[in-house]
PDB file of all heavy atoms in Angstrom:
ATOM      1  N   THR A   1       0.730  -1.304   0.130  1.00  0.00           N
ATOM      2  CA  THR A   1      -0.030   0.089  -0.030  1.00  0.00           C
ATOM      3  C   THR A   1       0.885   1.206  -0.046  1.00  0.00           C
ATOM      4  O   THR A   1       1.886   1.389   0.740  1.00  0.00           O
ATOM      5  CB  THR A   1      -0.895  -0.011   1.235  1.00  0.00           C
ATOM      6  OG1 THR A   1      -1.693  -1.090   1.258  1.00  0.00           O
ATOM      7  CG2 THR A   1      -1.869   1.320   1.209  1.00  0.00           C
ATOM      8  N   SER A   2       0.455   2.336  -0.859  1.00  0.00           N
ATOM      9  CA  SER A   2       0.996   3.549  -0.702  1.00  0.00           C
ATOM     10  C   SER A   2      -0.270   4.518  -0.471  1.00  0.00           C
ATOM     11  O   SER A   2      -1.299   4.276  -0.958  1.00  0.00           O
ATOM     12  CB  SER A   2       1.612   4.047  -2.083  1.00  0.00           C
ATOM     13  OG  SER A   2       2.963   3.462  -2.106  1.00  0.00           O
ATOM     14  N   VAL A   3      -0.018   5.497   0.445  1.00  0.00           N
ATOM     15  CA  VAL A   3      -1.028   6.443   0.878  1.00  0.00           C
ATOM     16  C   VAL A   3      -0.566   7.765   0.950  1.00  0.00           C
ATOM     17  O   VAL A   3       0.627   8.069   1.341  1.00  0.00           O
ATOM     18  CB  VAL A   3      -1.679   5.929   2.255  1.00  0.00           C
ATOM     19  CG1 VAL A   3      -0.692   6.256   3.413  1.00  0.00           C
ATOM     20  CG2 VAL A   3      -2.960   6.618   2.647  1.00  0.00           C
ATOM     21  N   VAL A   4      -1.302   8.814   0.747  1.00  0.00           N
ATOM     22  CA  VAL A   4      -1.135  10.165   0.892  1.00  0.00           C
ATOM     23  C   VAL A   4      -2.301  10.756   1.629  1.00  0.00           C
ATOM     24  O   VAL A   4      -3.440  10.393   1.550  1.00  0.00           O
ATOM     25  CB  VAL A   4      -0.944  10.971  -0.578  1.00  0.00           C
ATOM     26  CG1 VAL A   4       0.427  10.652  -1.126  1.00  0.00           C
ATOM     27  CG2 VAL A   4      -2.128  10.755  -1.468  1.00  0.00           C
ATOM     28  N   ILE A   5      -1.923  11.745   2.532  1.00  0.00           N
ATOM     29  CA  ILE A   5      -2.931  12.433   3.389  1.00  0.00           C
ATOM     30  C   ILE A   5      -2.502  13.955   3.387  1.00  0.00           C
ATOM     31  O   ILE A   5      -1.300  14.267   3.420  1.00  0.00           O
ATOM     32  CB  ILE A   5      -2.956  11.788   4.795  1.00  0.00           C
ATOM     33  CG1 ILE A   5      -3.903  12.545   5.571  1.00  0.00           C
ATOM     34  CG2 ILE A   5      -1.443  11.848   5.419  1.00  0.00           C
ATOM     35  CD1 ILE A   5      -4.080  11.754   7.052  1.00  0.00           C
ATOM     36  N   THR A   6      -3.513  14.783   3.276  1.00  0.00           N
ATOM     37  CA  THR A   6      -3.249  16.202   3.346  1.00  0.00           C
ATOM     38  C   THR A   6      -4.416  16.832   3.928  1.00  0.00           C
ATOM     39  O   THR A   6      -5.572  16.378   4.167  1.00  0.00           O
ATOM     40  CB  THR A   6      -3.073  16.833   1.823  1.00  0.00           C
ATOM     41  OG1 THR A   6      -2.688  18.192   1.930  1.00  0.00           O
ATOM     42  CG2 THR A   6      -4.336  16.711   0.983  1.00  0.00           C
ATOM     43  N   GLN A   7      -4.130  18.179   4.352  1.00  0.00           N
ATOM     44  CA  GLN A   7      -5.328  18.893   4.929  1.00  0.00           C
ATOM     45  C   GLN A   7      -6.282  19.449   3.914  1.00  0.00           C
ATOM     46  O   GLN A   7      -5.807  19.584   2.814  1.00  0.00           O
ATOM     47  CB  GLN A   7      -4.688  20.152   5.652  1.00  0.00           C
ATOM     48  CG  GLN A   7      -3.791  19.879   6.929  1.00  0.00           C
ATOM     49  CD  GLN A   7      -2.959  20.948   7.193  1.00  0.00           C
ATOM     50  OE1 GLN A   7      -2.011  21.279   6.554  1.00  0.00           O
ATOM     51  NE2 GLN A   7      -3.434  21.661   8.184  1.00  0.00           N
ATOM     52  N   LYS A   8      -7.580  19.518   4.274  1.00  0.00           N
ATOM     53  CA  LYS A   8      -8.598  20.025   3.376  1.00  0.00           C
ATOM     54  C   LYS A   8      -9.107  21.329   4.059  1.00  0.00           C
ATOM     55  O   LYS A   8      -9.915  21.201   4.927  1.00  0.00           O
ATOM     56  CB  LYS A   8      -9.675  19.047   3.223  1.00  0.00           C
ATOM     57  CG  LYS A   8     -10.695  19.602   2.202  1.00  0.00           C
ATOM     58  CD  LYS A   8     -11.659  18.410   1.767  1.00  0.00           C
ATOM     59  CE  LYS A   8     -12.644  19.044   0.691  1.00  0.00           C
ATOM     60  NZ  LYS A   8     -13.510  17.949   0.143  1.00  0.00           N
ATOM     61  N   LYS A   9      -8.701  22.491   3.452  1.00  0.00           N
ATOM     62  CA  LYS A   9      -9.066  23.834   4.039  1.00  0.00           C
ATOM     63  C   LYS A   9      -9.969  24.536   2.972  1.00  0.00           C
ATOM     64  O   LYS A   9      -9.586  24.793   1.823  1.00  0.00           O
ATOM     65  CB  LYS A   9      -7.818  24.591   4.447  1.00  0.00           C
ATOM     66  CG  LYS A   9      -7.069  24.098   5.466  1.00  0.00           C
ATOM     67  CD  LYS A   9      -5.923  25.047   5.609  1.00  0.00           C
ATOM     68  CE  LYS A   9      -4.991  24.493   6.804  1.00  0.00           C
ATOM     69  NZ  LYS A   9      -3.774  25.416   7.064  1.00  0.00           N
ATOM     70  N   VAL A  10     -11.307  24.741   3.347  1.00  0.00           N
ATOM     71  CA  VAL A  10     -12.170  25.417   2.484  1.00  0.00           C
ATOM     72  C   VAL A  10     -12.147  26.989   3.046  1.00  0.00           C
ATOM     73  O   VAL A  10     -12.745  27.253   4.063  1.00  0.00           O
ATOM     74  CB  VAL A  10     -13.637  24.900   2.613  1.00  0.00           C
ATOM     75  CG1 VAL A  10     -14.438  25.660   1.636  1.00  0.00           C
ATOM     76  CG2 VAL A  10     -13.529  23.389   2.201  1.00  0.00           C
ATOM     77  N   PRO A  11     -11.532  27.815   2.151  1.00  0.00           N
ATOM     78  CA  PRO A  11     -11.341  29.221   2.649  1.00  0.00           C
ATOM     79  C   PRO A  11     -12.566  30.094   2.786  1.00  0.00           C
ATOM     80  O   PRO A  11     -12.685  31.013   3.535  1.00  0.00           O
ATOM     81  CB  PRO A  11     -10.570  29.879   1.460  1.00  0.00           C
ATOM     82  CG  PRO A  11     -10.789  28.979   0.336  1.00  0.00           C
ATOM     83  CD  PRO A  11     -11.109  27.572   0.861  1.00  0.00           C
ATOM     84  N   ASP A  12     -13.668  29.735   2.220  1.00  0.00           N
ATOM     85  CA  ASP A  12     -14.931  30.349   2.281  1.00  0.00           C
ATOM     86  C   ASP A  12     -16.125  29.600   2.427  1.00  0.00           C
ATOM     87  O   ASP A  12     -16.325  28.459   1.853  1.00  0.00           O
ATOM     88  CB  ASP A  12     -15.181  31.254   1.095  1.00  0.00           C
ATOM     89  CG  ASP A  12     -16.247  32.422   1.173  1.00  0.00           C
ATOM     90  OD1 ASP A  12     -17.320  32.067   1.675  1.00  0.00           O
ATOM     91  OD2 ASP A  12     -15.950  33.450   0.754  1.00  0.00           O
ATOM     92  N   LYS A  13     -17.158  29.934   3.395  1.00  0.00           N
ATOM     93  CA  LYS A  13     -18.368  29.035   3.618  1.00  0.00           C
ATOM     94  C   LYS A  13     -19.098  28.867   2.443  1.00  0.00           C
ATOM     95  O   LYS A  13     -19.979  27.824   2.300  1.00  0.00           O
ATOM     96  CB  LYS A  13     -19.056  29.518   4.910  1.00  0.00           C
ATOM     97  CG  LYS A  13     -18.332  29.424   6.126  1.00  0.00           C
ATOM     98  CD  LYS A  13     -19.209  29.801   7.240  1.00  0.00           C
ATOM     99  CE  LYS A  13     -18.542  29.625   8.653  1.00  0.00           C
ATOM    100  NZ  LYS A  13     -19.245  30.180   9.787  1.00  0.00           N
ATOM    101  N   LEU A  14     -19.176  29.738   1.437  1.00  0.00           N
ATOM    102  CA  LEU A  14     -19.946  29.728   0.320  1.00  0.00           C
ATOM    103  C   LEU A  14     -19.351  28.840  -0.728  1.00  0.00           C
ATOM    104  O   LEU A  14     -19.954  28.598  -1.842  1.00  0.00           O
ATOM    105  CB  LEU A  14     -20.154  31.110  -0.284  1.00  0.00           C
ATOM    106  CG  LEU A  14     -20.900  31.974   0.658  1.00  0.00           C
ATOM    107  CD1 LEU A  14     -21.144  33.441  -0.077  1.00  0.00           C
ATOM    108  CD2 LEU A  14     -22.250  31.567   0.959  1.00  0.00           C
ATOM    109  N   ILE A  15     -18.067  28.405  -0.633  1.00  0.00           N
ATOM    110  CA  ILE A  15     -17.469  27.552  -1.556  1.00  0.00           C
ATOM    111  C   ILE A  15     -18.110  26.137  -1.421  1.00  0.00           C
ATOM    112  O   ILE A  15     -18.114  25.522  -0.402  1.00  0.00           O
ATOM    113  CB  ILE A  15     -15.830  27.529  -1.465  1.00  0.00           C
ATOM    114  CG1 ILE A  15     -15.370  28.847  -1.814  1.00  0.00           C
ATOM    115  CG2 ILE A  15     -15.299  26.403  -2.375  1.00  0.00           C
ATOM    116  CD1 ILE A  15     -13.915  29.098  -1.648  1.00  0.00           C
ATOM    117  N   ASP A  16     -18.197  25.432  -2.631  1.00  0.00           N
ATOM    118  CA  ASP A  16     -18.605  23.988  -2.589  1.00  0.00           C
ATOM    119  C   ASP A  16     -17.465  23.144  -2.221  1.00  0.00           C
ATOM    120  O   ASP A  16     -16.440  23.048  -2.837  1.00  0.00           O
ATOM    121  CB  ASP A  16     -19.225  23.553  -3.935  1.00  0.00           C
ATOM    122  CG  ASP A  16     -19.596  22.226  -3.853  1.00  0.00           C
ATOM    123  OD1 ASP A  16     -19.484  21.475  -2.934  1.00  0.00           O
ATOM    124  OD2 ASP A  16     -19.912  21.707  -5.041  1.00  0.00           O
ATOM    125  N   ALA A  17     -17.426  22.580  -0.918  1.00  0.00           N
ATOM    126  CA  ALA A  17     -16.301  21.812  -0.462  1.00  0.00           C
ATOM    127  C   ALA A  17     -15.909  20.710  -1.381  1.00  0.00           C
ATOM    128  O   ALA A  17     -14.725  20.348  -1.330  1.00  0.00           O
ATOM    129  CB  ALA A  17     -16.679  21.308   1.012  1.00  0.00           C
ATOM    130  N   SER A  18     -16.819  20.201  -1.980  1.00  0.00           N
ATOM    131  CA  SER A  18     -16.510  18.998  -2.870  1.00  0.00           C
ATOM    132  C   SER A  18     -15.633  19.493  -4.126  1.00  0.00           C
ATOM    133  O   SER A  18     -15.001  18.564  -4.778  1.00  0.00           O
ATOM    134  CB  SER A  18     -17.896  18.281  -3.397  1.00  0.00           C
ATOM    135  OG  SER A  18     -18.471  19.220  -4.257  1.00  0.00           O
ATOM    136  N   SER A  19     -15.513  20.662  -4.400  1.00  0.00           N
ATOM    137  CA  SER A  19     -14.718  21.056  -5.471  1.00  0.00           C
ATOM    138  C   SER A  19     -13.380  21.497  -5.085  1.00  0.00           C
ATOM    139  O   SER A  19     -12.607  21.883  -5.849  1.00  0.00           O
ATOM    140  CB  SER A  19     -15.407  22.316  -6.173  1.00  0.00           C
ATOM    141  OG  SER A  19     -15.349  23.379  -5.332  1.00  0.00           O
ATOM    142  N   VAL A  20     -13.101  21.515  -3.779  1.00  0.00           N
ATOM    143  CA  VAL A  20     -11.768  21.835  -3.250  1.00  0.00           C
ATOM    144  C   VAL A  20     -10.960  20.461  -2.916  1.00  0.00           C
ATOM    145  O   VAL A  20     -11.420  19.751  -2.162  1.00  0.00           O
ATOM    146  CB  VAL A  20     -11.861  22.660  -1.946  1.00  0.00           C
ATOM    147  CG1 VAL A  20     -10.373  23.000  -1.380  1.00  0.00           C
ATOM    148  CG2 VAL A  20     -12.621  23.889  -2.322  1.00  0.00           C
ATOM    149  N   THR A  21      -9.800  20.296  -3.632  1.00  0.00           N
ATOM    150  CA  THR A  21      -9.112  19.100  -3.402  1.00  0.00           C
ATOM    151  C   THR A  21      -7.628  19.284  -3.721  1.00  0.00           C
ATOM    152  O   THR A  21      -7.247  20.111  -4.723  1.00  0.00           O
ATOM    153  CB  THR A  21      -9.578  17.879  -4.130  1.00  0.00           C
ATOM    154  OG1 THR A  21      -8.866  16.790  -3.881  1.00  0.00           O
ATOM    155  CG2 THR A  21      -9.518  18.135  -5.673  1.00  0.00           C
ATOM    156  N   HIS A  22      -6.679  18.591  -3.037  1.00  0.00           N
ATOM    157  CA  HIS A  22      -5.224  18.609  -3.346  1.00  0.00           C
ATOM    158  C   HIS A  22      -4.878  17.269  -3.979  1.00  0.00           C
ATOM    159  O   HIS A  22      -3.678  17.186  -4.243  1.00  0.00           O
ATOM    160  CB  HIS A  22      -4.385  19.048  -2.192  1.00  0.00           C
ATOM    161  CG  HIS A  22      -4.763  20.416  -1.701  1.00  0.00           C
ATOM    162  ND1 HIS A  22      -4.115  21.550  -2.250  1.00  0.00           N
ATOM    163  CD2 HIS A  22      -5.550  20.835  -0.716  1.00  0.00           C
ATOM    164  CE1 HIS A  22      -4.573  22.557  -1.558  1.00  0.00           C
ATOM    165  NE2 HIS A  22      -5.504  22.253  -0.727  1.00  0.00           N
ATOM    166  N   LEU A  23      -5.741  16.239  -4.075  1.00  0.00           N
ATOM    167  CA  LEU A  23      -5.535  14.958  -4.459  1.00  0.00           C
ATOM    168  C   LEU A  23      -5.936  14.825  -5.966  1.00  0.00           C
ATOM    169  O   LEU A  23      -7.163  15.326  -6.376  1.00  0.00           O
ATOM    170  CB  LEU A  23      -6.119  13.914  -3.691  1.00  0.00           C
ATOM    171  CG  LEU A  23      -5.858  13.893  -2.121  1.00  0.00           C
ATOM    172  CD1 LEU A  23      -6.577  12.889  -1.457  1.00  0.00           C
ATOM    173  CD2 LEU A  23      -4.360  13.736  -2.007  1.00  0.00           C
ATOM    174  N   HIS A  24      -5.136  14.301  -6.864  1.00  0.00           N
ATOM    175  CA  HIS A  24      -5.549  14.153  -8.291  1.00  0.00           C
ATOM    176  C   HIS A  24      -5.015  12.878  -8.749  1.00  0.00           C
ATOM    177  O   HIS A  24      -4.136  12.218  -8.457  1.00  0.00           O
ATOM    178  CB  HIS A  24      -4.730  15.204  -9.103  1.00  0.00           C
ATOM    179  CG  HIS A  24      -4.982  16.610  -8.537  1.00  0.00           C
ATOM    180  ND1 HIS A  24      -5.971  17.420  -9.001  1.00  0.00           N
ATOM    181  CD2 HIS A  24      -4.311  17.477  -7.665  1.00  0.00           C
ATOM    182  CE1 HIS A  24      -6.054  18.588  -8.389  1.00  0.00           C
ATOM    183  NE2 HIS A  24      -4.924  18.726  -7.517  1.00  0.00           N
ATOM    184  N   SER A  25      -5.945  12.338  -9.783  1.00  0.00           N
ATOM    185  CA  SER A  25      -5.621  11.142 -10.506  1.00  0.00           C
ATOM    186  C   SER A  25      -4.927  11.496 -11.773  1.00  0.00           C
ATOM    187  O   SER A  25      -5.193  12.235 -12.506  1.00  0.00           O
ATOM    188  CB  SER A  25      -6.954  10.324 -10.773  1.00  0.00           C
ATOM    189  OG  SER A  25      -6.744   9.293 -11.611  1.00  0.00           O
ATOM    190  N   ILE A  26      -3.824  10.710 -12.020  1.00  0.00           N
ATOM    191  CA  ILE A  26      -3.030  10.855 -13.187  1.00  0.00           C
ATOM    192  C   ILE A  26      -3.290   9.746 -14.158  1.00  0.00           C
ATOM    193  O   ILE A  26      -3.534   9.945 -15.407  1.00  0.00           O
ATOM    194  CB  ILE A  26      -1.582  11.038 -12.854  1.00  0.00           C
ATOM    195  CG1 ILE A  26      -1.375  12.363 -12.058  1.00  0.00           C
ATOM    196  CG2 ILE A  26      -0.737  11.111 -14.107  1.00  0.00           C
ATOM    197  CD1 ILE A  26       0.077  12.584 -11.517  1.00  0.00           C
ATOM    198  N   THR A  27      -3.165   8.437 -13.641  1.00  0.00           N
ATOM    199  CA  THR A  27      -3.640   7.351 -14.490  1.00  0.00           C
ATOM    200  C   THR A  27      -4.418   6.440 -13.621  1.00  0.00           C
ATOM    201  O   THR A  27      -4.566   6.857 -12.338  1.00  0.00           O
ATOM    202  CB  THR A  27      -2.417   6.361 -15.033  1.00  0.00           C
ATOM    203  OG1 THR A  27      -1.828   5.754 -13.795  1.00  0.00           O
ATOM    204  CG2 THR A  27      -1.221   7.294 -15.544  1.00  0.00           C
ATOM    205  N   PRO A  28      -5.069   5.358 -14.154  1.00  0.00           N
ATOM    206  CA  PRO A  28      -5.859   4.573 -13.005  1.00  0.00           C
ATOM    207  C   PRO A  28      -5.053   4.068 -11.874  1.00  0.00           C
ATOM    208  O   PRO A  28      -5.698   3.701 -10.878  1.00  0.00           O
ATOM    209  CB  PRO A  28      -6.312   3.414 -13.936  1.00  0.00           C
ATOM    210  CG  PRO A  28      -6.310   4.021 -15.479  1.00  0.00           C
ATOM    211  CD  PRO A  28      -5.142   4.911 -15.455  1.00  0.00           C
ATOM    212  N   THR A  29      -3.776   3.782 -11.965  1.00  0.00           N
ATOM    213  CA  THR A  29      -2.974   3.278 -10.888  1.00  0.00           C
ATOM    214  C   THR A  29      -1.955   4.275 -10.311  1.00  0.00           C
ATOM    215  O   THR A  29      -1.318   3.939  -9.191  1.00  0.00           O
ATOM    216  CB  THR A  29      -2.044   2.113 -11.382  1.00  0.00           C
ATOM    217  OG1 THR A  29      -1.273   2.524 -12.318  1.00  0.00           O
ATOM    218  CG2 THR A  29      -3.220   0.979 -11.821  1.00  0.00           C
ATOM    219  N   ILE A  30      -2.073   5.562 -10.672  1.00  0.00           N
ATOM    220  CA  ILE A  30      -1.115   6.607 -10.234  1.00  0.00           C
ATOM    221  C   ILE A  30      -1.901   7.776  -9.764  1.00  0.00           C
ATOM    222  O   ILE A  30      -2.784   8.251 -10.523  1.00  0.00           O
ATOM    223  CB  ILE A  30      -0.090   7.031 -11.150  1.00  0.00           C
ATOM    224  CG1 ILE A  30       0.890   5.864 -11.625  1.00  0.00           C
ATOM    225  CG2 ILE A  30       0.861   8.044 -10.489  1.00  0.00           C
ATOM    226  CD1 ILE A  30       1.842   6.029 -12.590  1.00  0.00           C
ATOM    227  N   GLY A  31      -1.600   8.418  -8.614  1.00  0.00           N
ATOM    228  CA  GLY A  31      -2.303   9.605  -8.111  1.00  0.00           C
ATOM    229  C   GLY A  31      -1.202  10.430  -7.428  1.00  0.00           C
ATOM    230  O   GLY A  31      -0.087  10.195  -7.305  1.00  0.00           O
ATOM    231  N   CYS A  32      -1.563  11.695  -7.115  1.00  0.00           N
ATOM    232  CA  CYS A  32      -0.605  12.576  -6.451  1.00  0.00           C
ATOM    233  C   CYS A  32      -1.288  13.545  -5.422  1.00  0.00           C
ATOM    234  O   CYS A  32      -2.621  13.654  -5.568  1.00  0.00           O
ATOM    235  CB  CYS A  32       0.157  13.335  -7.519  1.00  0.00           C
ATOM    236  SG  CYS A  32      -0.903  14.479  -8.445  1.00  0.00           S
ATOM    237  N   VAL A  33      -0.517  14.110  -4.593  1.00  0.00           N
ATOM    238  CA  VAL A  33      -0.991  15.185  -3.766  1.00  0.00           C
ATOM    239  C   VAL A  33      -0.046  16.438  -4.117  1.00  0.00           C
ATOM    240  O   VAL A  33       1.016  16.194  -4.249  1.00  0.00           O
ATOM    241  CB  VAL A  33      -0.841  14.804  -2.243  1.00  0.00           C
ATOM    242  CG1 VAL A  33       0.441  14.475  -1.994  1.00  0.00           C
ATOM    243  CG2 VAL A  33      -1.376  15.977  -1.439  1.00  0.00           C
TER     244      VAL A  33
END
């Protein structure tokens, strides 16, 4: 297993939290923070 963990800070209460992320998929088996 490999795992990444990061903070999730939503700067404004009016922002849709689901659209804020630091995790991204690059290929089906590779991701990044």
